[in-house]
Amino acid sequence: MPVKQGESVTSSARRAQIVAATIETIAELGYHHTSFARIAERAGLSSTRLISYHFDGKDELIGQTIATIYGDLSRFMHERVSTRTTASAALETYIRSLVEYLDGHRTEMRAATEIFLNFRPEGGTAARDAATDLSSLSHVERLLAWGQESGEFGPFSTRVMAMTIQRSLDGLPFLLEADPEADLAEYADELAALFARATRA
């Protein structure tokens, strides 16, 4: 978690500790059973007042928690996809890297799913409403447009293809809830091959 301007390293470390405890608590108990008391207990804090000192209520804490999870995911993906020099390689890497991250961060993904389904900030919209935000598809759409411009990919609607790719990956946390022993290496292989066939020129 980056240190904000005017925020001490000690304060930043405490906030990160609280966010980590929040992720673990939500993943284990579910969103509706997660309280400041439970988080404080898991974080080893002497009082819930320490949470209130660092976060202005549950909305800010949950917002920071989801931002932390997806910030880490974004960095993980960027480090891998940005090194690819062809659109087809970038698409395969995007698919495989996202599956790899989900497989290696199941606690974070379980917490993110709980937040996605249940969190509705005061005066705001539910996290799940982000599913209707088309900007979430923009990265994949740009990648597909790159492939069409370079001649690697054939003609198709980049919006439809991006939606199909992204939603097949978004559904993976739900698959893991239903089948924790699912073979994710096979899942990645199948998706990579499927979309290679679907996009090729």
N, C-alpha and C. Protein backbone atom coordinates (compact mmCIF):
# COMPACT_ATOMS: atom_id res chain seq x y z
N MET A 1 0.85 -1.18 0.00
CA MET A 1 0.00 0.00 0.00
C MET A 1 0.88 1.23 0.00
N PRO A 2 0.78 2.13 -1.00
CA PRO A 2 1.65 3.30 -1.07
C PRO A 2 1.40 4.24 0.09
N VAL A 3 2.45 4.96 0.50
CA VAL A 3 2.31 5.94 1.56
C VAL A 3 1.73 7.22 0.99
N LYS A 4 0.63 7.71 1.58
CA LYS A 4 0.03 8.95 1.12
C LYS A 4 0.88 10.13 1.57
N GLN A 5 0.73 11.26 0.84
CA GLN A 5 1.42 12.47 1.25
C GLN A 5 0.96 12.85 2.65
N GLY A 6 1.91 13.10 3.54
CA GLY A 6 1.58 13.47 4.90
C GLY A 6 1.33 12.28 5.81
N GLU A 7 1.42 11.08 5.28
CA GLU A 7 1.19 9.88 6.08
C GLU A 7 2.54 9.25 6.42
N SER A 8 2.74 8.93 7.69
CA SER A 8 4.01 8.35 8.11
C SER A 8 4.11 6.91 7.66
N VAL A 9 5.35 6.42 7.62
CA VAL A 9 5.57 5.02 7.27
C VAL A 9 4.89 4.12 8.29
N THR A 10 4.91 4.50 9.56
CA THR A 10 4.27 3.70 10.60
C THR A 10 2.77 3.64 10.39
N SER A 11 2.16 4.78 10.07
CA SER A 11 0.72 4.81 9.82
C SER A 11 0.35 3.98 8.60
N SER A 12 1.16 4.09 7.55
CA SER A 12 0.92 3.31 6.34
C SER A 12 1.00 1.82 6.62
N ALA A 13 1.98 1.43 7.44
CA ALA A 13 2.14 0.02 7.78
C ALA A 13 0.95 -0.48 8.58
N ARG A 14 0.44 0.36 9.48
CA ARG A 14 -0.72 -0.03 10.27
C ARG A 14 -1.95 -0.18 9.38
N ARG A 15 -2.12 0.74 8.44
CA ARG A 15 -3.26 0.64 7.51
C ARG A 15 -3.16 -0.64 6.69
N ALA A 16 -1.96 -0.95 6.23
CA ALA A 16 -1.76 -2.17 5.45
C ALA A 16 -2.06 -3.41 6.29
N GLN A 17 -1.68 -3.38 7.57
CA GLN A 17 -1.96 -4.50 8.47
C GLN A 17 -3.47 -4.68 8.64
N ILE A 18 -4.19 -3.59 8.78
CA ILE A 18 -5.64 -3.66 8.96
C ILE A 18 -6.31 -4.16 7.68
N VAL A 19 -5.84 -3.69 6.53
CA VAL A 19 -6.41 -4.16 5.26
C VAL A 19 -6.17 -5.66 5.08
N ALA A 20 -4.96 -6.12 5.40
CA ALA A 20 -4.65 -7.55 5.29
C ALA A 20 -5.57 -8.37 6.19
N ALA A 21 -5.81 -7.89 7.41
CA ALA A 21 -6.70 -8.59 8.33
C ALA A 21 -8.14 -8.58 7.81
N THR A 22 -8.52 -7.48 7.17
CA THR A 22 -9.87 -7.38 6.59
C THR A 22 -10.06 -8.41 5.48
N ILE A 23 -9.07 -8.53 4.62
CA ILE A 23 -9.12 -9.53 3.54
C ILE A 23 -9.29 -10.93 4.11
N GLU A 24 -8.49 -11.27 5.09
CA GLU A 24 -8.54 -12.62 5.67
C GLU A 24 -9.86 -12.87 6.39
N THR A 25 -10.36 -11.85 7.07
CA THR A 25 -11.62 -12.01 7.81
C THR A 25 -12.80 -12.18 6.87
N ILE A 26 -12.86 -11.35 5.85
CA ILE A 26 -13.96 -11.47 4.88
C ILE A 26 -13.90 -12.81 4.17
N ALA A 27 -12.70 -13.23 3.79
CA ALA A 27 -12.55 -14.51 3.08
C ALA A 27 -13.01 -15.68 3.95
N GLU A 28 -12.73 -15.61 5.25
CA GLU A 28 -13.08 -16.72 6.14
C GLU A 28 -14.54 -16.67 6.60
N LEU A 29 -15.01 -15.49 6.98
CA LEU A 29 -16.33 -15.38 7.62
C LEU A 29 -17.43 -14.88 6.68
N GLY A 30 -17.05 -14.28 5.57
CA GLY A 30 -18.04 -13.65 4.70
C GLY A 30 -18.21 -12.19 5.04
N TYR A 31 -18.68 -11.42 4.09
CA TYR A 31 -18.80 -9.98 4.26
C TYR A 31 -19.70 -9.60 5.43
N HIS A 32 -20.87 -10.23 5.52
CA HIS A 32 -21.86 -9.83 6.51
C HIS A 32 -21.47 -10.21 7.94
N HIS A 33 -20.52 -11.10 8.10
CA HIS A 33 -20.07 -11.49 9.44
C HIS A 33 -18.76 -10.82 9.82
N THR A 34 -18.32 -9.91 8.97
CA THR A 34 -17.07 -9.20 9.24
C THR A 34 -17.37 -7.89 9.95
N SER A 35 -16.80 -7.71 11.12
CA SER A 35 -16.99 -6.51 11.93
C SER A 35 -15.62 -5.95 12.31
N PHE A 36 -15.61 -4.73 12.79
CA PHE A 36 -14.36 -4.15 13.28
C PHE A 36 -13.77 -5.01 14.39
N ALA A 37 -14.63 -5.57 15.23
CA ALA A 37 -14.14 -6.41 16.33
C ALA A 37 -13.41 -7.63 15.81
N ARG A 38 -13.98 -8.26 14.77
CA ARG A 38 -13.34 -9.44 14.17
C ARG A 38 -12.03 -9.07 13.50
N ILE A 39 -12.02 -7.95 12.81
CA ILE A 39 -10.81 -7.51 12.13
C ILE A 39 -9.72 -7.18 13.14
N ALA A 40 -10.10 -6.46 14.19
CA ALA A 40 -9.12 -6.10 15.23
C ALA A 40 -8.53 -7.35 15.87
N GLU A 41 -9.37 -8.34 16.12
CA GLU A 41 -8.90 -9.60 16.71
C GLU A 41 -7.88 -10.28 15.80
N ARG A 42 -8.18 -10.35 14.52
CA ARG A 42 -7.27 -11.00 13.58
C ARG A 42 -5.98 -10.21 13.40
N ALA A 43 -6.09 -8.89 13.44
CA ALA A 43 -4.91 -8.05 13.27
C ALA A 43 -4.07 -7.94 14.54
N GLY A 44 -4.60 -8.45 15.65
CA GLY A 44 -3.88 -8.37 16.91
C GLY A 44 -3.89 -6.97 17.50
N LEU A 45 -4.97 -6.22 17.24
CA LEU A 45 -5.09 -4.87 17.75
C LEU A 45 -5.77 -4.89 19.12
N SER A 46 -5.40 -3.96 19.96
CA SER A 46 -5.96 -3.93 21.32
C SER A 46 -7.37 -3.36 21.35
N SER A 47 -7.75 -2.60 20.32
CA SER A 47 -9.06 -1.97 20.31
C SER A 47 -9.48 -1.67 18.88
N THR A 48 -10.81 -1.68 18.66
CA THR A 48 -11.33 -1.30 17.34
C THR A 48 -11.10 0.19 17.07
N ARG A 49 -10.79 0.95 18.12
CA ARG A 49 -10.53 2.38 17.93
C ARG A 49 -9.31 2.60 17.04
N LEU A 50 -8.40 1.64 17.02
CA LEU A 50 -7.23 1.76 16.15
C LEU A 50 -7.64 1.68 14.68
N ILE A 51 -8.70 0.93 14.39
CA ILE A 51 -9.22 0.89 13.01
C ILE A 51 -9.87 2.23 12.69
N SER A 52 -10.70 2.72 13.60
CA SER A 52 -11.39 3.99 13.38
C SER A 52 -10.41 5.15 13.26
N TYR A 53 -9.27 5.04 13.90
CA TYR A 53 -8.26 6.09 13.82
C TYR A 53 -7.68 6.18 12.41
N HIS A 54 -7.51 5.03 11.77
CA HIS A 54 -6.85 4.99 10.46
C HIS A 54 -7.84 5.01 9.29
N PHE A 55 -9.10 4.67 9.55
CA PHE A 55 -10.10 4.65 8.48
C PHE A 55 -11.37 5.35 8.95
N ASP A 56 -11.90 6.17 8.07
CA ASP A 56 -13.10 6.94 8.41
C ASP A 56 -14.34 6.09 8.12
N GLY A 57 -14.48 5.02 8.89
CA GLY A 57 -15.65 4.17 8.77
C GLY A 57 -15.42 2.95 7.89
N LYS A 58 -16.42 2.08 7.86
CA LYS A 58 -16.31 0.81 7.14
C LYS A 58 -16.22 1.02 5.63
N ASP A 59 -16.93 2.04 5.12
CA ASP A 59 -16.89 2.28 3.67
C ASP A 59 -15.47 2.53 3.19
N GLU A 60 -14.73 3.37 3.93
CA GLU A 60 -13.36 3.66 3.51
C GLU A 60 -12.48 2.43 3.62
N LEU A 61 -12.67 1.65 4.68
CA LEU A 61 -11.86 0.45 4.86
C LEU A 61 -12.11 -0.56 3.74
N ILE A 62 -13.37 -0.79 3.43
CA ILE A 62 -13.69 -1.74 2.36
C ILE A 62 -13.22 -1.20 1.01
N GLY A 63 -13.37 0.10 0.81
CA GLY A 63 -12.89 0.69 -0.44
C GLY A 63 -11.39 0.52 -0.60
N GLN A 64 -10.64 0.73 0.48
CA GLN A 64 -9.19 0.54 0.43
C GLN A 64 -8.82 -0.92 0.25
N THR A 65 -9.62 -1.80 0.84
CA THR A 65 -9.36 -3.23 0.70
C THR A 65 -9.49 -3.68 -0.74
N ILE A 66 -10.56 -3.28 -1.40
CA ILE A 66 -10.74 -3.69 -2.80
C ILE A 66 -9.72 -3.01 -3.70
N ALA A 67 -9.37 -1.76 -3.36
CA ALA A 67 -8.34 -1.06 -4.15
C ALA A 67 -6.99 -1.75 -4.01
N THR A 68 -6.69 -2.26 -2.83
CA THR A 68 -5.43 -2.97 -2.60
C THR A 68 -5.37 -4.26 -3.40
N ILE A 69 -6.47 -5.02 -3.37
CA ILE A 69 -6.51 -6.28 -4.10
C ILE A 69 -6.34 -6.04 -5.60
N TYR A 70 -7.11 -5.12 -6.15
CA TYR A 70 -7.06 -4.92 -7.59
C TYR A 70 -5.83 -4.14 -8.03
N GLY A 71 -5.26 -3.36 -7.12
CA GLY A 71 -4.00 -2.69 -7.43
C GLY A 71 -2.89 -3.71 -7.59
N ASP A 72 -2.86 -4.69 -6.69
CA ASP A 72 -1.86 -5.75 -6.77
C ASP A 72 -2.05 -6.58 -8.04
N LEU A 73 -3.30 -6.90 -8.34
CA LEU A 73 -3.61 -7.66 -9.55
C LEU A 73 -3.17 -6.88 -10.79
N SER A 74 -3.46 -5.59 -10.82
CA SER A 74 -3.11 -4.76 -11.97
C SER A 74 -1.60 -4.74 -12.20
N ARG A 75 -0.83 -4.59 -11.12
CA ARG A 75 0.63 -4.58 -11.25
C ARG A 75 1.14 -5.94 -11.76
N PHE A 76 0.58 -7.00 -11.22
CA PHE A 76 0.96 -8.36 -11.63
C PHE A 76 0.74 -8.54 -13.13
N MET A 77 -0.43 -8.11 -13.62
CA MET A 77 -0.77 -8.27 -15.03
C MET A 77 0.11 -7.39 -15.91
N HIS A 78 0.30 -6.14 -15.51
CA HIS A 78 1.07 -5.20 -16.32
C HIS A 78 2.51 -5.69 -16.51
N GLU A 79 3.11 -6.20 -15.46
CA GLU A 79 4.49 -6.69 -15.55
C GLU A 79 4.65 -7.78 -16.60
N ARG A 80 3.62 -8.56 -16.82
CA ARG A 80 3.70 -9.68 -17.75
C ARG A 80 3.23 -9.31 -19.16
N VAL A 81 2.08 -8.67 -19.24
CA VAL A 81 1.51 -8.36 -20.55
C VAL A 81 2.32 -7.30 -21.28
N SER A 82 2.84 -6.32 -20.56
CA SER A 82 3.53 -5.19 -21.21
C SER A 82 4.82 -5.59 -21.90
N THR A 83 5.35 -6.76 -21.60
CA THR A 83 6.61 -7.19 -22.23
C THR A 83 6.38 -7.88 -23.57
N ARG A 84 5.14 -8.18 -23.91
CA ARG A 84 4.84 -8.91 -25.14
C ARG A 84 4.86 -7.96 -26.33
N THR A 85 5.38 -8.45 -27.45
CA THR A 85 5.56 -7.59 -28.62
C THR A 85 4.56 -7.88 -29.73
N THR A 86 3.69 -8.86 -29.55
CA THR A 86 2.63 -9.13 -30.52
C THR A 86 1.31 -9.21 -29.77
N ALA A 87 0.23 -8.90 -30.47
CA ALA A 87 -1.09 -8.91 -29.85
C ALA A 87 -1.49 -10.32 -29.43
N SER A 88 -1.17 -11.31 -30.25
CA SER A 88 -1.55 -12.69 -29.92
C SER A 88 -0.83 -13.16 -28.66
N ALA A 89 0.45 -12.82 -28.53
CA ALA A 89 1.20 -13.18 -27.33
C ALA A 89 0.66 -12.43 -26.12
N ALA A 90 0.29 -11.16 -26.30
CA ALA A 90 -0.25 -10.37 -25.20
C ALA A 90 -1.59 -10.92 -24.73
N LEU A 91 -2.43 -11.35 -25.68
CA LEU A 91 -3.73 -11.91 -25.31
C LEU A 91 -3.55 -13.21 -24.54
N GLU A 92 -2.69 -14.09 -25.02
CA GLU A 92 -2.45 -15.35 -24.31
C GLU A 92 -1.89 -15.07 -22.91
N THR A 93 -0.96 -14.14 -22.83
CA THR A 93 -0.37 -13.81 -21.53
C THR A 93 -1.41 -13.21 -20.59
N TYR A 94 -2.28 -12.38 -21.12
CA TYR A 94 -3.34 -11.78 -20.32
C TYR A 94 -4.20 -12.87 -19.69
N ILE A 95 -4.62 -13.82 -20.50
CA ILE A 95 -5.48 -14.90 -20.01
C ILE A 95 -4.74 -15.76 -18.99
N ARG A 96 -3.54 -16.20 -19.35
CA ARG A 96 -2.80 -17.10 -18.45
C ARG A 96 -2.39 -16.40 -17.15
N SER A 97 -2.01 -15.14 -17.24
CA SER A 97 -1.56 -14.42 -16.05
C SER A 97 -2.71 -14.18 -15.09
N LEU A 98 -3.88 -13.88 -15.62
CA LEU A 98 -5.02 -13.64 -14.73
C LEU A 98 -5.43 -14.93 -14.02
N VAL A 99 -5.43 -16.03 -14.75
CA VAL A 99 -5.74 -17.32 -14.11
C VAL A 99 -4.67 -17.66 -13.07
N GLU A 100 -3.40 -17.40 -13.40
CA GLU A 100 -2.31 -17.67 -12.45
C GLU A 100 -2.49 -16.84 -11.17
N TYR A 101 -2.83 -15.57 -11.33
CA TYR A 101 -3.00 -14.72 -10.16
C TYR A 101 -4.15 -15.23 -9.30
N LEU A 102 -5.27 -15.54 -9.91
CA LEU A 102 -6.43 -16.02 -9.16
C LEU A 102 -6.10 -17.30 -8.41
N ASP A 103 -5.34 -18.16 -9.05
CA ASP A 103 -4.97 -19.44 -8.41
C ASP A 103 -4.06 -19.21 -7.21
N GLY A 104 -3.15 -18.24 -7.32
CA GLY A 104 -2.19 -18.01 -6.25
C GLY A 104 -2.67 -17.05 -5.17
N HIS A 105 -3.84 -16.45 -5.36
CA HIS A 105 -4.36 -15.47 -4.41
C HIS A 105 -5.83 -15.77 -4.12
N ARG A 106 -6.08 -16.99 -3.69
CA ARG A 106 -7.48 -17.40 -3.50
C ARG A 106 -8.14 -16.67 -2.34
N THR A 107 -7.39 -16.38 -1.30
CA THR A 107 -7.97 -15.65 -0.17
C THR A 107 -8.42 -14.26 -0.62
N GLU A 108 -7.55 -13.57 -1.35
CA GLU A 108 -7.89 -12.24 -1.85
C GLU A 108 -9.09 -12.29 -2.79
N MET A 109 -9.13 -13.30 -3.65
CA MET A 109 -10.23 -13.39 -4.59
C MET A 109 -11.55 -13.76 -3.91
N ARG A 110 -11.47 -14.56 -2.86
CA ARG A 110 -12.69 -14.87 -2.11
C ARG A 110 -13.22 -13.62 -1.43
N ALA A 111 -12.30 -12.83 -0.86
CA ALA A 111 -12.72 -11.58 -0.23
C ALA A 111 -13.29 -10.61 -1.26
N ALA A 112 -12.63 -10.51 -2.42
CA ALA A 112 -13.10 -9.60 -3.47
C ALA A 112 -14.49 -10.01 -3.95
N THR A 113 -14.75 -11.30 -4.07
CA THR A 113 -16.06 -11.78 -4.50
C THR A 113 -17.12 -11.42 -3.48
N GLU A 114 -16.82 -11.60 -2.20
CA GLU A 114 -17.76 -11.23 -1.14
C GLU A 114 -18.08 -9.74 -1.19
N ILE A 115 -17.05 -8.93 -1.38
CA ILE A 115 -17.26 -7.49 -1.46
C ILE A 115 -18.08 -7.14 -2.71
N PHE A 116 -17.71 -7.75 -3.81
CA PHE A 116 -18.39 -7.52 -5.08
C PHE A 116 -19.89 -7.79 -4.96
N LEU A 117 -20.25 -8.85 -4.26
CA LEU A 117 -21.65 -9.25 -4.16
C LEU A 117 -22.43 -8.48 -3.10
N ASN A 118 -21.74 -7.97 -2.09
CA ASN A 118 -22.47 -7.47 -0.93
C ASN A 118 -22.23 -6.02 -0.53
N PHE A 119 -21.15 -5.42 -0.96
CA PHE A 119 -20.80 -4.09 -0.49
C PHE A 119 -21.59 -3.01 -1.22
N ARG A 120 -22.27 -2.17 -0.47
CA ARG A 120 -22.95 -1.02 -1.04
C ARG A 120 -22.64 0.18 -0.15
N PRO A 121 -21.72 1.03 -0.58
CA PRO A 121 -21.34 2.18 0.26
C PRO A 121 -22.50 3.15 0.43
N GLU A 122 -22.51 3.83 1.55
CA GLU A 122 -23.57 4.79 1.82
C GLU A 122 -23.56 5.88 0.77
N GLY A 123 -24.71 6.08 0.17
CA GLY A 123 -24.83 7.11 -0.85
C GLY A 123 -24.23 6.74 -2.18
N GLY A 124 -23.77 5.48 -2.32
CA GLY A 124 -23.14 5.04 -3.56
C GLY A 124 -23.83 3.85 -4.17
N THR A 125 -23.14 3.18 -5.04
CA THR A 125 -23.69 2.00 -5.70
C THR A 125 -22.91 0.78 -5.28
N ALA A 126 -23.51 -0.38 -5.45
CA ALA A 126 -22.86 -1.62 -5.07
C ALA A 126 -21.63 -1.86 -5.92
N ALA A 127 -20.65 -2.56 -5.32
CA ALA A 127 -19.45 -2.88 -6.08
C ALA A 127 -19.80 -3.68 -7.32
N ARG A 128 -20.84 -4.49 -7.22
CA ARG A 128 -21.21 -5.32 -8.37
C ARG A 128 -21.68 -4.48 -9.56
N ASP A 129 -22.08 -3.23 -9.31
CA ASP A 129 -22.50 -2.37 -10.41
C ASP A 129 -21.35 -2.05 -11.35
N ALA A 130 -20.12 -2.29 -10.87
CA ALA A 130 -18.96 -2.08 -11.73
C ALA A 130 -18.98 -3.02 -12.92
N ALA A 131 -19.74 -4.13 -12.80
CA ALA A 131 -19.83 -5.10 -13.89
C ALA A 131 -20.46 -4.49 -15.12
N THR A 132 -21.23 -3.40 -14.94
CA THR A 132 -21.87 -2.74 -16.08
C THR A 132 -21.03 -1.59 -16.61
N ASP A 133 -19.86 -1.37 -16.02
CA ASP A 133 -18.98 -0.28 -16.44
C ASP A 133 -18.12 -0.76 -17.61
N LEU A 134 -18.40 -0.22 -18.79
CA LEU A 134 -17.71 -0.69 -19.99
C LEU A 134 -16.23 -0.35 -19.99
N SER A 135 -15.82 0.60 -19.14
CA SER A 135 -14.40 0.95 -19.10
C SER A 135 -13.55 -0.23 -18.62
N SER A 136 -14.18 -1.18 -17.92
CA SER A 136 -13.44 -2.35 -17.45
C SER A 136 -13.00 -3.23 -18.61
N LEU A 137 -13.58 -3.02 -19.79
CA LEU A 137 -13.22 -3.82 -20.97
C LEU A 137 -12.20 -3.11 -21.86
N SER A 138 -11.87 -1.86 -21.53
CA SER A 138 -11.09 -1.04 -22.46
C SER A 138 -9.71 -1.62 -22.75
N HIS A 139 -9.06 -2.20 -21.73
CA HIS A 139 -7.72 -2.75 -21.95
C HIS A 139 -7.77 -3.90 -22.96
N VAL A 140 -8.73 -4.80 -22.79
CA VAL A 140 -8.84 -5.94 -23.70
C VAL A 140 -9.25 -5.47 -25.09
N GLU A 141 -10.15 -4.50 -25.15
CA GLU A 141 -10.56 -3.97 -26.45
C GLU A 141 -9.37 -3.36 -27.21
N ARG A 142 -8.53 -2.62 -26.50
CA ARG A 142 -7.35 -2.03 -27.15
C ARG A 142 -6.41 -3.12 -27.65
N LEU A 143 -6.25 -4.18 -26.86
CA LEU A 143 -5.39 -5.28 -27.26
C LEU A 143 -5.92 -5.95 -28.53
N LEU A 144 -7.24 -6.15 -28.58
CA LEU A 144 -7.85 -6.77 -29.76
C LEU A 144 -7.76 -5.87 -30.99
N ALA A 145 -7.94 -4.56 -30.77
CA ALA A 145 -7.81 -3.62 -31.89
C ALA A 145 -6.38 -3.63 -32.43
N TRP A 146 -5.42 -3.73 -31.55
CA TRP A 146 -4.00 -3.83 -31.94
C TRP A 146 -3.81 -5.04 -32.86
N GLY A 147 -4.38 -6.17 -32.46
CA GLY A 147 -4.23 -7.39 -33.26
C GLY A 147 -4.89 -7.27 -34.62
N GLN A 148 -6.02 -6.58 -34.70
CA GLN A 148 -6.68 -6.39 -36.00
C GLN A 148 -5.87 -5.44 -36.88
N GLU A 149 -5.34 -4.40 -36.27
CA GLU A 149 -4.54 -3.44 -37.05
C GLU A 149 -3.25 -4.06 -37.57
N SER A 150 -2.68 -4.98 -36.80
CA SER A 150 -1.43 -5.63 -37.22
C SER A 150 -1.66 -6.79 -38.18
N GLY A 151 -2.93 -7.19 -38.33
CA GLY A 151 -3.25 -8.31 -39.21
C GLY A 151 -3.19 -9.67 -38.54
N GLU A 152 -2.88 -9.70 -37.24
CA GLU A 152 -2.85 -10.98 -36.52
C GLU A 152 -4.26 -11.54 -36.29
N PHE A 153 -5.21 -10.64 -36.05
CA PHE A 153 -6.58 -11.05 -35.73
C PHE A 153 -7.49 -10.76 -36.92
N GLY A 154 -8.52 -11.56 -37.02
CA GLY A 154 -9.49 -11.37 -38.08
C GLY A 154 -10.54 -10.34 -37.71
N PRO A 155 -11.55 -10.18 -38.58
CA PRO A 155 -12.61 -9.20 -38.32
C PRO A 155 -13.62 -9.73 -37.30
N PHE A 156 -13.90 -8.96 -36.28
CA PHE A 156 -14.94 -9.27 -35.30
C PHE A 156 -15.18 -8.02 -34.47
N SER A 157 -16.25 -8.02 -33.73
CA SER A 157 -16.53 -6.90 -32.84
C SER A 157 -15.60 -6.98 -31.64
N THR A 158 -14.77 -5.97 -31.47
CA THR A 158 -13.85 -5.99 -30.32
C THR A 158 -14.63 -5.90 -29.01
N ARG A 159 -15.77 -5.23 -29.01
CA ARG A 159 -16.58 -5.13 -27.80
C ARG A 159 -17.13 -6.50 -27.40
N VAL A 160 -17.69 -7.22 -28.37
CA VAL A 160 -18.24 -8.54 -28.06
C VAL A 160 -17.15 -9.50 -27.63
N MET A 161 -16.02 -9.48 -28.34
CA MET A 161 -14.94 -10.40 -28.01
C MET A 161 -14.35 -10.06 -26.65
N ALA A 162 -14.15 -8.77 -26.38
CA ALA A 162 -13.61 -8.37 -25.08
C ALA A 162 -14.53 -8.78 -23.95
N MET A 163 -15.83 -8.60 -24.14
CA MET A 163 -16.80 -9.01 -23.12
C MET A 163 -16.72 -10.51 -22.89
N THR A 164 -16.63 -11.28 -23.96
CA THR A 164 -16.59 -12.74 -23.84
C THR A 164 -15.33 -13.20 -23.11
N ILE A 165 -14.20 -12.61 -23.47
CA ILE A 165 -12.93 -12.96 -22.81
C ILE A 165 -12.97 -12.60 -21.33
N GLN A 166 -13.34 -11.34 -21.05
CA GLN A 166 -13.28 -10.86 -19.67
C GLN A 166 -14.25 -11.59 -18.76
N ARG A 167 -15.46 -11.84 -19.24
CA ARG A 167 -16.44 -12.51 -18.39
C ARG A 167 -16.08 -13.98 -18.15
N SER A 168 -15.39 -14.60 -19.09
CA SER A 168 -14.96 -15.99 -18.87
C SER A 168 -13.92 -16.05 -17.76
N LEU A 169 -13.18 -14.95 -17.58
CA LEU A 169 -12.19 -14.87 -16.50
C LEU A 169 -12.82 -14.39 -15.20
N ASP A 170 -13.78 -13.46 -15.30
CA ASP A 170 -14.46 -12.96 -14.11
C ASP A 170 -15.21 -14.07 -13.38
N GLY A 171 -15.63 -15.08 -14.11
CA GLY A 171 -16.39 -16.16 -13.50
C GLY A 171 -15.55 -17.18 -12.76
N LEU A 172 -14.23 -17.08 -12.89
CA LEU A 172 -13.36 -18.09 -12.28
C LEU A 172 -13.47 -18.15 -10.76
N PRO A 173 -13.54 -17.02 -10.04
CA PRO A 173 -13.70 -17.12 -8.57
C PRO A 173 -14.96 -17.89 -8.17
N PHE A 174 -16.02 -17.77 -8.96
CA PHE A 174 -17.24 -18.50 -8.64
C PHE A 174 -17.07 -19.99 -8.90
N LEU A 175 -16.31 -20.33 -9.95
CA LEU A 175 -16.00 -21.73 -10.21
C LEU A 175 -15.22 -22.32 -9.04
N LEU A 176 -14.26 -21.56 -8.52
CA LEU A 176 -13.45 -22.06 -7.41
C LEU A 176 -14.27 -22.24 -6.14
N GLU A 177 -15.29 -21.41 -5.95
CA GLU A 177 -16.17 -21.58 -4.80
C GLU A 177 -16.92 -22.91 -4.92
N ALA A 178 -17.36 -23.23 -6.13
CA ALA A 178 -18.12 -24.46 -6.35
C ALA A 178 -17.22 -25.68 -6.43
N ASP A 179 -16.02 -25.50 -6.97
CA ASP A 179 -15.10 -26.63 -7.17
C ASP A 179 -13.67 -26.19 -6.84
N PRO A 180 -13.31 -26.18 -5.55
CA PRO A 180 -11.97 -25.71 -5.15
C PRO A 180 -10.83 -26.52 -5.76
N GLU A 181 -11.11 -27.74 -6.20
CA GLU A 181 -10.07 -28.60 -6.77
C GLU A 181 -9.99 -28.49 -8.29
N ALA A 182 -10.67 -27.52 -8.86
CA ALA A 182 -10.65 -27.36 -10.31
C ALA A 182 -9.21 -27.20 -10.81
N ASP A 183 -8.93 -27.83 -11.96
CA ASP A 183 -7.60 -27.77 -12.56
C ASP A 183 -7.46 -26.45 -13.31
N LEU A 184 -6.83 -25.47 -12.68
CA LEU A 184 -6.74 -24.15 -13.29
C LEU A 184 -5.72 -24.09 -14.41
N ALA A 185 -4.74 -24.97 -14.39
CA ALA A 185 -3.78 -25.02 -15.50
C ALA A 185 -4.53 -25.45 -16.77
N GLU A 186 -5.39 -26.42 -16.64
CA GLU A 186 -6.20 -26.87 -17.78
C GLU A 186 -7.16 -25.76 -18.21
N TYR A 187 -7.74 -25.06 -17.24
CA TYR A 187 -8.65 -23.96 -17.54
C TYR A 187 -7.94 -22.90 -18.38
N ALA A 188 -6.72 -22.54 -17.97
CA ALA A 188 -5.95 -21.54 -18.71
C ALA A 188 -5.61 -22.03 -20.11
N ASP A 189 -5.21 -23.30 -20.22
CA ASP A 189 -4.88 -23.88 -21.53
C ASP A 189 -6.08 -23.82 -22.46
N GLU A 190 -7.24 -24.22 -21.95
CA GLU A 190 -8.45 -24.26 -22.77
C GLU A 190 -8.87 -22.86 -23.21
N LEU A 191 -8.82 -21.90 -22.28
CA LEU A 191 -9.21 -20.54 -22.64
C LEU A 191 -8.24 -19.93 -23.65
N ALA A 192 -6.95 -20.13 -23.43
CA ALA A 192 -5.95 -19.58 -24.35
C ALA A 192 -6.14 -20.15 -25.75
N ALA A 193 -6.37 -21.45 -25.85
CA ALA A 193 -6.57 -22.09 -27.15
C ALA A 193 -7.89 -21.64 -27.78
N LEU A 194 -8.93 -21.53 -26.98
CA LEU A 194 -10.24 -21.11 -27.48
C LEU A 194 -10.19 -19.73 -28.11
N PHE A 195 -9.57 -18.78 -27.40
CA PHE A 195 -9.56 -17.41 -27.92
C PHE A 195 -8.48 -17.20 -28.99
N ALA A 196 -7.50 -18.07 -29.03
CA ALA A 196 -6.55 -18.03 -30.15
C ALA A 196 -7.27 -18.39 -31.44
N ARG A 197 -8.12 -19.43 -31.36
CA ARG A 197 -8.90 -19.84 -32.53
C ARG A 197 -9.93 -18.77 -32.91
N ALA A 198 -10.55 -18.19 -31.89
CA ALA A 198 -11.63 -17.23 -32.15
C ALA A 198 -11.14 -15.92 -32.74
N THR A 199 -9.89 -15.56 -32.46
CA THR A 199 -9.40 -14.25 -32.91
C THR A 199 -8.50 -14.30 -34.13
N ARG A 200 -7.96 -15.47 -34.46
CA ARG A 200 -6.95 -15.50 -35.52
C ARG A 200 -7.51 -15.07 -36.86
N ALA A 201 -6.63 -14.51 -37.68
CA ALA A 201 -7.02 -14.03 -39.00
C ALA A 201 -7.32 -15.19 -39.93
